[in-house]
Structures are given as C-alpha cells and as structure tokens.
Amino acid sequence: MIQIGEILKQVPFFRSLGRDSIDFITEKLKFKQFKDKATICKVGDPGDKMWIVLSGKVAVLAANQEVLANIGAGNYFGEMALLTGEPRSATVVAAEDTETFILDKDDFDVILEKYPSISIAMSKIMSQRLRETNAVVSEKAKEMKSTPAGPSGNLKDRHIMEVIAFCESNSLTGDLEVTSGGDKAVIAYDKGVLQNIKLRDLNDDEALDLMMGWEEGSFVIKPKIISFDGGEPEKETKPAKKAGAILVINHSMVVRKILEKNLTSLGHSVKTADGITEGIAALRSAQPNLIVSDFKYDEVSGHDFCMQMRENEGFENIPFVFITDSNTESATIAQLKKIPNAALVDSQDVGEMAKTIEQML
C-alpha cells in the first residue's frame, strides 16, 4: 500500500492529498500489463479512463504513426478525457513491456466529488502544459520568422470532430481555422473551451452543423503566444466558494458544452438537457441546487417554465439563472427580473455566467 501511495504521489494533481485520501484512491485502481507494441488506446476510443505507468514506456502516435511523445514510469496519460468526456485524440501503444494502473471514469467521478480540489490542480496542470506548448511554438516561430502555427492537416484524414476533440483535450488557447470549398471557419478557444465560431453570418450551432458535413478541406491550429512583455500574469484558478449540482437547460449545444466544462472545472457537478422534456426528466435524477435556463422555449416562456419547475416538491425556491441575449425583448427582461431568487446573464459572457452562478449557490 505504501509503495503504491508513493507512486500516486508522483501524479501532480494527487500530490496535495493526505495518506487517507491516497488510500481511498488506491482502492479504485486496477492493475493491467501490456506487452511490447500492444495498443493501449486508439483515436476515437471513449475517454473513460486514465493510465498511470508503473514500469516500461508507452508511445503516443499521430495518424501517420509518427511518435509524438514517450511516457515513462511514474508518468500518466488520458487524464483530461476524464474531465471532458471527449473521445481519444491520439493512439497510445506500449513501446516495451509495460505495467500500468487504470482509473475508470466512474471511479474518478467519485474521487472528484470527495476531493474537488483535484479538478483545480488539474486546471493548473493544463495551464502549465499550455505555457510549455506556447514556449515551443514561440521558439519555432522565431526560427521560421513567420506567424506561429500548430498542427495542420486534411479533413480527408481527420474528421472535424476529431480535430475539435484534439483542441479541447490539449487545452488550446487560440484559433482553429478550417477551410472547405469557399468557406473558412474560425473557432476560438480559451484553455480548451470553445468560445465562438465565425462562419459567414451563422450562429455557433448553425456553423457547427454545417462543418459536420465537411469531408474535404484543410485545418490549422494556431495557439496564442503568451508573452511576458506587457501581459498580465496568469491568475490562479480559485476553487468554487460552494460546489453544487447544476442543471443546464438550453437548446444550444455549444452553450451547454461551454457551461458544462467551465462549471465542472470549478468543482461543480453539471447535468445538461436540450429542452423542457429532458429538463423535467433530469430534475429528480440530478437533484440540482440551481437551474440554468433559456429565457424562452417553444412551449412556454422562461418565466412560466420556472414557475412549473418550482411546483415540484423540494424545488419550491430553487435558484434560476436565465441566459438572455441582445435580442431579448425588454418586456421579457422585465418579467424575468421580477422572479424571486433568479438572475439574468448574457449568453456571450461565459465568465460572468460562472460568477453569477457561484453567487447564486
């Protein structure tokens, strides 16, 4: 047990935990061996587990089988997929006979619920990795004396969803530029979270739907270079004042995804639903402390929907945060403002959303 604990302590986001916490995590681990050249996971596999390398070495491969990185004993991989739930963006094979511990997502979720500080530590690690990546890109840019660019490729070789998953799992801050036919889309990211999509005059969801059908074209990932000159120092991510269970009900897949990732990174438990039917069904299973809602639905107004949800026993005064936009009518705004224990936020300001939600919990 002691030896295993020492190995776990090498994983950065477990370092701050005490002996009892380490013992709790150890009970969740599964031991597995891989022979030399055995495939451990491949592109597109579910992101439902992480590995800790006890002995041996593994290689991370690109689509052309080029070795992107080697990971040795005492290191780990696959951890960010446990937070994002995204499919694997790379293939990993054993570079020699290798022994590993495996932590499944279900067990990881239990650990996060018990020790929410781990998600904060992981956020810091993601930021550190991004700084290291930016440093490498910056150095190469100086050598090339040109605008820095990250990985690029062809949509025939990698589907757009695979490229998007890669940007998210690698915590990209910068742009993903995708060109197909006469169209060019620019997807902006901040620490792996999709911020907006610029494509013609389409909104984010319409743009994403169109891009899903692109089978030909090219893409290039352009990380934003972090400079020490004139820039503000990076602020540490602070844990949520009060972690809670949050139900997000919104028709926009992009909005749901952005909120889920931001709020989860702050230690909250997040359940999402596409509309009223899904939202009502999720109410009992999610047992939310707060509901984030559209300001209107096809069936009813946001005001009436809030009143209906509060008719449920145990949710009579559950806080509501309504997502509005610049086109929301003033009469609707006035009606929503009259609802007790409710707040309004702008759909374009993700940071303000998270801040308001934490204040309401």
Protein backbone atom coordinates (compact mmCIF):
# COMPACT_ATOMS: atom_id res chain seq x y z
CA MET A 1 0.00 0.00 0.00
CA ILE A 2 2.84 2.39 0.92
CA GLN A 3 4.68 1.75 -2.33
CA ILE A 4 1.55 2.34 -4.38
CA GLY A 5 0.90 5.54 -2.46
CA GLU A 6 4.37 6.79 -3.29
CA ILE A 7 3.73 6.16 -6.97
CA LEU A 8 0.42 8.02 -6.81
CA LYS A 9 2.17 10.96 -5.15
CA GLN A 10 4.15 11.37 -8.39
CA VAL A 11 0.92 12.33 -10.18
CA PRO A 12 0.82 16.14 -9.75
CA PHE A 13 -2.89 16.51 -9.05
CA PHE A 14 -2.70 13.88 -6.27
CA ARG A 15 0.35 15.41 -4.53
CA SER A 16 -1.57 17.66 -2.16
CA LEU A 17 -3.68 14.79 -0.81
CA GLY A 18 -3.01 13.11 2.53
CA ARG A 19 -2.45 9.42 3.28
CA ASP A 20 -6.13 8.63 3.86
CA SER A 21 -7.05 10.27 0.54
CA ILE A 22 -4.32 8.36 -1.31
CA ASP A 23 -5.50 5.09 0.24
CA PHE A 24 -9.05 5.89 -0.90
CA ILE A 25 -7.86 6.43 -4.49
CA THR A 26 -5.66 3.33 -4.42
CA GLU A 27 -8.71 1.20 -3.76
CA LYS A 28 -10.17 2.41 -7.07
CA LEU A 29 -7.16 1.46 -9.23
CA LYS A 30 -6.95 -1.59 -11.48
CA PHE A 31 -3.62 -3.17 -12.46
CA LYS A 32 -3.00 -4.11 -16.11
CA GLN A 33 0.05 -5.22 -18.11
CA PHE A 34 0.70 -4.54 -21.80
CA LYS A 35 3.18 -6.42 -23.99
CA ASP A 36 5.61 -4.54 -26.24
CA LYS A 37 3.78 -2.94 -29.23
CA ALA A 38 0.33 -3.68 -27.74
CA THR A 39 -2.29 -0.98 -28.40
CA ILE A 40 -3.46 0.63 -25.14
CA CYS A 41 -5.98 3.04 -26.70
CA LYS A 42 -6.59 4.46 -30.16
CA VAL A 43 -8.06 7.57 -31.77
CA GLY A 44 -11.82 7.71 -31.33
CA ASP A 45 -11.95 5.41 -28.29
CA PRO A 46 -14.17 6.63 -25.43
CA GLY A 47 -12.42 8.92 -22.96
CA ASP A 48 -13.46 6.81 -20.00
CA LYS A 49 -10.18 6.06 -18.22
CA MET A 50 -6.65 7.25 -17.44
CA TRP A 51 -3.43 5.26 -17.04
CA ILE A 52 -0.50 5.60 -14.62
CA VAL A 53 2.70 3.99 -15.92
CA LEU A 54 4.38 1.88 -13.24
CA SER A 55 7.15 0.40 -15.35
CA GLY A 56 8.11 0.35 -19.01
CA LYS A 57 7.27 3.02 -21.57
CA VAL A 58 4.42 3.97 -23.92
CA ALA A 59 4.44 5.96 -27.17
CA VAL A 60 1.81 8.50 -28.27
CA LEU A 61 1.29 8.22 -32.04
CA ALA A 62 -0.07 10.56 -34.71
CA ALA A 63 -2.33 9.32 -37.53
CA ASN A 64 0.76 8.67 -39.69
CA GLN A 65 2.28 6.59 -36.84
CA GLU A 66 4.81 9.32 -36.05
CA VAL A 67 5.79 9.26 -32.37
CA LEU A 68 4.55 12.47 -30.75
CA ALA A 69 5.75 11.67 -27.24
CA ASN A 70 7.11 8.92 -25.00
CA ILE A 71 5.73 8.43 -21.49
CA GLY A 72 7.78 6.52 -18.94
CA ALA A 73 7.41 5.09 -15.44
CA GLY A 74 5.93 7.46 -12.87
CA ASN A 75 4.05 9.37 -15.56
CA TYR A 76 0.45 9.20 -16.72
CA PHE A 77 -1.84 9.87 -19.69
CA GLY A 78 -5.52 10.06 -20.63
CA GLU A 79 -6.42 12.11 -17.56
CA MET A 80 -8.02 15.10 -19.32
CA ALA A 81 -10.54 12.89 -21.11
CA LEU A 82 -11.93 12.02 -17.67
CA LEU A 83 -12.90 15.69 -17.27
CA THR A 84 -14.01 16.43 -20.84
CA GLY A 85 -15.59 13.07 -21.76
CA GLU A 86 -14.23 13.53 -25.28
CA PRO A 87 -13.01 10.60 -27.43
CA ARG A 88 -9.28 9.90 -27.61
CA SER A 89 -7.42 12.27 -29.92
CA ALA A 90 -4.31 10.07 -30.26
CA THR A 91 -3.26 6.43 -30.29
CA VAL A 92 -1.07 5.10 -27.48
CA VAL A 93 0.93 1.84 -27.73
CA ALA A 94 3.36 0.10 -25.41
CA ALA A 95 6.94 0.88 -26.51
CA GLU A 96 8.14 -2.05 -24.36
CA ASP A 97 6.59 -4.39 -21.81
CA THR A 98 4.64 -2.03 -19.56
CA GLU A 99 2.75 -2.19 -16.27
CA THR A 100 0.01 0.31 -15.52
CA PHE A 101 -2.68 1.30 -13.07
CA ILE A 102 -6.04 2.17 -14.67
CA LEU A 103 -8.55 4.59 -13.16
CA ASP A 104 -12.04 4.40 -14.71
CA LYS A 105 -14.24 7.49 -15.16
CA ASP A 106 -16.95 6.27 -12.77
CA ASP A 107 -14.38 5.88 -10.01
CA PHE A 108 -12.73 9.18 -10.94
CA ASP A 109 -16.08 10.99 -10.64
CA VAL A 110 -16.46 9.56 -7.13
CA ILE A 111 -12.96 10.79 -6.27
CA LEU A 112 -13.68 14.29 -7.67
CA GLU A 113 -16.88 14.51 -5.67
CA LYS A 114 -14.99 13.59 -2.49
CA TYR A 115 -11.90 15.71 -3.28
CA PRO A 116 -12.97 18.62 -5.59
CA SER A 117 -9.56 20.27 -5.15
CA ILE A 118 -8.20 17.74 -7.66
CA SER A 119 -10.06 19.45 -10.53
CA ILE A 120 -8.42 22.75 -9.57
CA ALA A 121 -4.99 21.12 -9.57
CA MET A 122 -5.72 19.62 -12.99
CA SER A 123 -6.66 23.05 -14.32
CA LYS A 124 -3.29 24.39 -13.20
CA ILE A 125 -1.52 21.48 -14.90
CA MET A 126 -3.42 22.18 -18.11
CA SER A 127 -2.30 25.80 -17.93
CA GLN A 128 1.29 24.74 -17.37
CA ARG A 129 1.17 22.38 -20.35
CA LEU A 130 -0.24 25.18 -22.45
CA ARG A 131 2.58 27.51 -21.40
CA GLU A 132 5.13 24.85 -22.31
CA THR A 133 3.45 24.30 -25.68
CA ASN A 134 3.37 28.02 -26.35
CA ALA A 135 7.04 28.30 -25.47
CA VAL A 136 7.92 25.62 -28.03
CA VAL A 137 5.70 27.19 -30.67
CA SER A 138 7.15 30.63 -29.95
CA GLU A 139 10.72 29.36 -30.35
CA LYS A 140 9.88 27.68 -33.64
CA ALA A 141 8.16 30.85 -34.82
CA LYS A 142 11.30 32.85 -34.16
CA GLU A 143 13.34 30.35 -36.14
CA MET A 144 10.90 30.43 -39.05
CA LYS A 145 10.34 34.22 -38.76
CA SER A 146 6.69 33.69 -39.53
CA THR A 147 3.33 33.58 -37.80
CA PRO A 148 3.32 30.55 -35.48
CA ALA A 149 1.01 27.69 -36.28
CA GLY A 150 0.35 24.37 -34.62
CA PRO A 151 -0.74 21.05 -36.10
CA SER A 152 -2.40 21.14 -39.50
CA GLY A 153 -3.89 18.58 -41.83
CA ASN A 154 -6.59 17.49 -44.23
CA LEU A 155 -10.23 16.75 -43.42
CA LYS A 156 -9.97 13.59 -45.52
CA ASP A 157 -7.59 12.20 -42.91
CA ARG A 158 -9.21 13.63 -39.78
CA HIS A 159 -12.89 14.39 -39.29
CA ILE A 160 -13.64 17.85 -37.93
CA MET A 161 -14.92 16.36 -34.63
CA GLU A 162 -11.58 14.64 -34.13
CA VAL A 163 -9.78 17.96 -34.66
CA ILE A 164 -12.11 19.74 -32.24
CA ALA A 165 -11.57 17.00 -29.64
CA PHE A 166 -7.81 17.43 -30.06
CA CYS A 167 -8.04 21.18 -29.40
CA GLU A 168 -10.14 20.64 -26.29
CA SER A 169 -8.07 17.80 -24.82
CA ASN A 170 -4.87 19.82 -25.33
CA SER A 171 -6.35 22.91 -23.64
CA LEU A 172 -5.86 25.16 -26.66
CA THR A 173 -5.91 28.91 -26.26
CA GLY A 174 -6.00 30.29 -29.77
CA ASP A 175 -7.81 29.58 -33.03
CA LEU A 176 -8.70 26.54 -35.10
CA GLU A 177 -9.03 27.62 -38.74
CA VAL A 178 -10.90 25.25 -41.04
CA THR A 179 -11.30 25.77 -44.81
CA SER A 180 -13.61 23.82 -47.10
CA GLY A 181 -14.56 24.88 -50.62
CA GLY A 182 -15.15 28.62 -50.48
CA ASP A 183 -15.87 28.64 -46.73
CA LYS A 184 -13.49 29.43 -43.90
CA ALA A 185 -14.45 28.89 -40.26
CA VAL A 186 -12.51 30.22 -37.28
CA ILE A 187 -13.16 28.55 -33.92
CA ALA A 188 -11.81 30.48 -30.94
CA TYR A 189 -10.67 28.60 -27.80
CA ASP A 190 -9.68 29.66 -24.31
CA LYS A 191 -7.91 26.93 -22.29
CA GLY A 192 -9.64 24.25 -24.35
CA VAL A 193 -13.12 25.76 -24.04
CA LEU A 194 -14.86 26.73 -27.29
CA GLN A 195 -15.71 30.44 -27.17
CA ASN A 196 -17.31 31.16 -30.55
CA ILE A 197 -17.35 30.17 -34.21
CA LYS A 198 -17.07 32.67 -37.07
CA LEU A 199 -18.50 31.30 -40.31
CA ARG A 200 -20.49 33.51 -42.71
CA ASP A 201 -23.27 35.08 -40.62
CA LEU A 202 -24.24 31.80 -38.92
CA ASN A 203 -24.63 31.40 -35.18
CA ASP A 204 -22.43 28.88 -33.37
CA ASP A 205 -24.79 25.90 -33.64
CA GLU A 206 -25.60 26.53 -37.31
CA ALA A 207 -21.90 26.85 -38.10
CA LEU A 208 -21.07 23.62 -36.27
CA ASP A 209 -23.87 21.74 -38.05
CA LEU A 210 -22.55 22.90 -41.43
CA MET A 211 -18.98 21.94 -40.56
CA MET A 212 -20.03 18.42 -39.55
CA GLY A 213 -20.71 17.74 -43.22
CA TRP A 214 -17.30 18.91 -44.45
CA GLU A 215 -15.46 15.87 -45.80
CA GLU A 216 -12.85 17.80 -47.78
CA GLY A 217 -10.73 20.77 -46.83
CA SER A 218 -7.87 21.65 -44.51
CA PHE A 219 -7.31 22.83 -40.96
CA VAL A 220 -4.58 24.56 -38.99
CA ILE A 221 -4.35 25.09 -35.23
CA LYS A 222 -2.89 28.44 -34.21
CA PRO A 223 -2.06 28.68 -30.49
CA LYS A 224 -1.99 32.15 -28.99
CA ILE A 225 1.51 33.02 -27.90
CA ILE A 226 1.82 34.04 -24.25
CA SER A 227 4.29 36.90 -23.89
CA PHE A 228 5.93 38.27 -20.77
CA ASP A 229 6.10 41.70 -22.40
CA GLY A 230 3.14 43.86 -21.44
CA GLY A 231 0.96 40.92 -20.46
CA GLU A 232 -0.73 40.41 -17.13
CA PRO A 233 0.42 37.47 -15.03
CA GLU A 234 -1.84 34.47 -15.16
CA LYS A 235 -4.28 34.34 -12.29
CA GLU A 236 -4.60 31.13 -10.36
CA THR A 237 -7.89 29.31 -10.67
CA LYS A 238 -9.71 29.56 -7.39
CA PRO A 239 -11.98 26.80 -6.16
CA ALA A 240 -15.70 27.42 -6.10
CA LYS A 241 -16.95 29.07 -2.93
CA LYS A 242 -19.60 26.41 -2.73
CA ALA A 243 -19.66 23.44 -5.08
CA GLY A 244 -23.12 22.37 -6.11
CA ALA A 245 -25.21 20.33 -8.51
CA ILE A 246 -26.28 22.39 -11.53
CA LEU A 247 -28.84 21.58 -14.22
CA VAL A 248 -28.28 23.43 -17.53
CA ILE A 249 -31.30 23.50 -19.88
CA ASN A 250 -30.53 25.12 -23.21
CA HIS A 251 -31.24 24.41 -26.88
CA SER A 252 -27.73 25.41 -27.93
CA MET A 253 -25.26 22.52 -27.85
CA VAL A 254 -22.36 24.98 -27.83
CA VAL A 255 -23.73 26.87 -24.81
CA ARG A 256 -24.35 23.60 -22.94
CA LYS A 257 -20.86 22.34 -23.67
CA ILE A 258 -19.12 25.59 -22.69
CA LEU A 259 -21.03 25.87 -19.42
CA GLU A 260 -20.51 22.23 -18.54
CA LYS A 261 -16.74 22.47 -18.98
CA ASN A 262 -16.39 25.78 -17.14
CA LEU A 263 -18.57 24.80 -14.20
CA THR A 264 -17.08 21.32 -13.90
CA SER A 265 -13.59 22.83 -13.77
CA LEU A 266 -14.77 24.87 -10.77
CA GLY A 267 -15.74 21.71 -8.93
CA HIS A 268 -19.47 21.68 -9.66
CA SER A 269 -21.49 18.66 -10.74
CA VAL A 270 -23.23 19.52 -14.03
CA LYS A 271 -26.12 17.86 -15.87
CA THR A 272 -27.33 19.24 -19.21
CA ALA A 273 -30.62 18.95 -21.08
CA ASP A 274 -31.71 20.06 -24.56
CA GLY A 275 -35.17 21.33 -23.61
CA ILE A 276 -38.15 21.17 -21.28
CA THR A 277 -38.86 17.44 -21.60
CA GLU A 278 -35.26 16.45 -20.89
CA GLY A 279 -35.01 19.09 -18.18
CA ILE A 280 -38.02 17.84 -16.24
CA ALA A 281 -36.79 14.25 -16.56
CA ALA A 282 -33.39 15.25 -15.21
CA LEU A 283 -34.76 17.22 -12.26
CA ARG A 284 -35.12 14.25 -9.93
CA SER A 285 -32.01 12.33 -11.00
CA ALA A 286 -29.72 15.39 -10.93
CA GLN A 287 -31.14 16.84 -7.68
CA PRO A 288 -29.79 20.29 -8.67
CA ASN A 289 -29.09 23.16 -6.30
CA LEU A 290 -29.52 25.60 -9.21
CA ILE A 291 -31.00 25.63 -12.72
CA VAL A 292 -29.53 27.49 -15.69
CA SER A 293 -32.27 28.02 -18.24
CA ASP A 294 -33.11 29.54 -21.63
CA PHE A 295 -35.27 32.67 -21.34
CA LYS A 296 -37.92 31.11 -23.59
CA TYR A 297 -38.96 27.77 -25.07
CA ASP A 298 -41.23 26.76 -27.93
CA GLU A 299 -43.82 25.50 -25.46
CA VAL A 300 -43.72 28.17 -22.73
CA SER A 301 -41.86 31.27 -21.65
CA GLY A 302 -38.86 31.01 -19.36
CA HIS A 303 -40.93 32.67 -16.63
CA ASP A 304 -43.70 30.07 -16.83
CA PHE A 305 -41.19 27.22 -17.03
CA CYS A 306 -39.55 28.44 -13.82
CA MET A 307 -42.91 28.54 -12.07
CA GLN A 308 -43.67 24.97 -13.25
CA MET A 309 -40.32 23.64 -12.01
CA ARG A 310 -40.84 25.29 -8.63
CA GLU A 311 -44.14 23.45 -8.24
CA ASN A 312 -42.13 20.26 -7.67
CA GLU A 313 -41.72 19.27 -4.04
CA GLY A 314 -38.28 20.14 -2.74
CA PHE A 315 -37.63 22.68 -5.52
CA GLU A 316 -40.09 25.40 -4.45
CA ASN A 317 -37.43 28.12 -4.32
CA ILE A 318 -34.60 26.66 -6.39
CA PRO A 319 -32.38 29.45 -7.83
CA PHE A 320 -32.72 30.13 -11.57
CA VAL A 321 -30.16 31.78 -13.85
CA PHE A 322 -31.67 32.80 -17.20
CA ILE A 323 -29.47 33.05 -20.30
CA THR A 324 -30.52 36.01 -22.43
CA ASP A 325 -29.08 37.72 -25.49
CA SER A 326 -29.07 41.10 -27.20
CA ASN A 327 -32.34 40.27 -29.00
CA THR A 328 -34.32 39.54 -25.85
CA GLU A 329 -37.34 41.81 -25.67
CA SER A 330 -37.42 44.38 -22.86
CA ALA A 331 -40.82 43.12 -21.69
CA THR A 332 -39.36 39.62 -21.28
CA ILE A 333 -36.38 41.00 -19.37
CA ALA A 334 -38.68 42.92 -17.04
CA GLN A 335 -40.80 39.81 -16.40
CA LEU A 336 -37.77 37.64 -15.60
CA LYS A 337 -36.33 40.27 -13.25
CA LYS A 338 -39.47 40.06 -11.11
CA ILE A 339 -38.87 36.38 -10.33
CA PRO A 340 -37.51 35.95 -6.80
CA ASN A 341 -34.18 34.14 -6.34
CA ALA A 342 -33.35 34.47 -10.05
CA ALA A 343 -30.69 36.24 -12.13
CA LEU A 344 -30.08 37.12 -15.80
CA VAL A 345 -26.82 36.68 -17.69
CA ASP A 346 -25.66 37.43 -21.24
CA SER A 347 -25.01 34.35 -23.39
CA GLN A 348 -21.80 35.91 -24.74
CA ASP A 349 -20.14 36.41 -21.34
CA VAL A 350 -19.12 32.95 -20.10
CA GLY A 351 -17.04 34.36 -17.25
CA GLU A 352 -19.95 36.42 -15.93
CA MET A 353 -22.21 33.36 -16.17
CA ALA A 354 -19.90 31.32 -13.93
CA LYS A 355 -19.51 34.23 -11.48
CA THR A 356 -23.29 34.74 -11.23
CA ILE A 357 -23.93 31.03 -10.78
CA GLU A 358 -21.45 30.82 -7.90
CA GLN A 359 -23.04 33.87 -6.25
CA MET A 360 -26.49 32.26 -6.51
CA LEU A 361 -25.44 28.93 -4.97
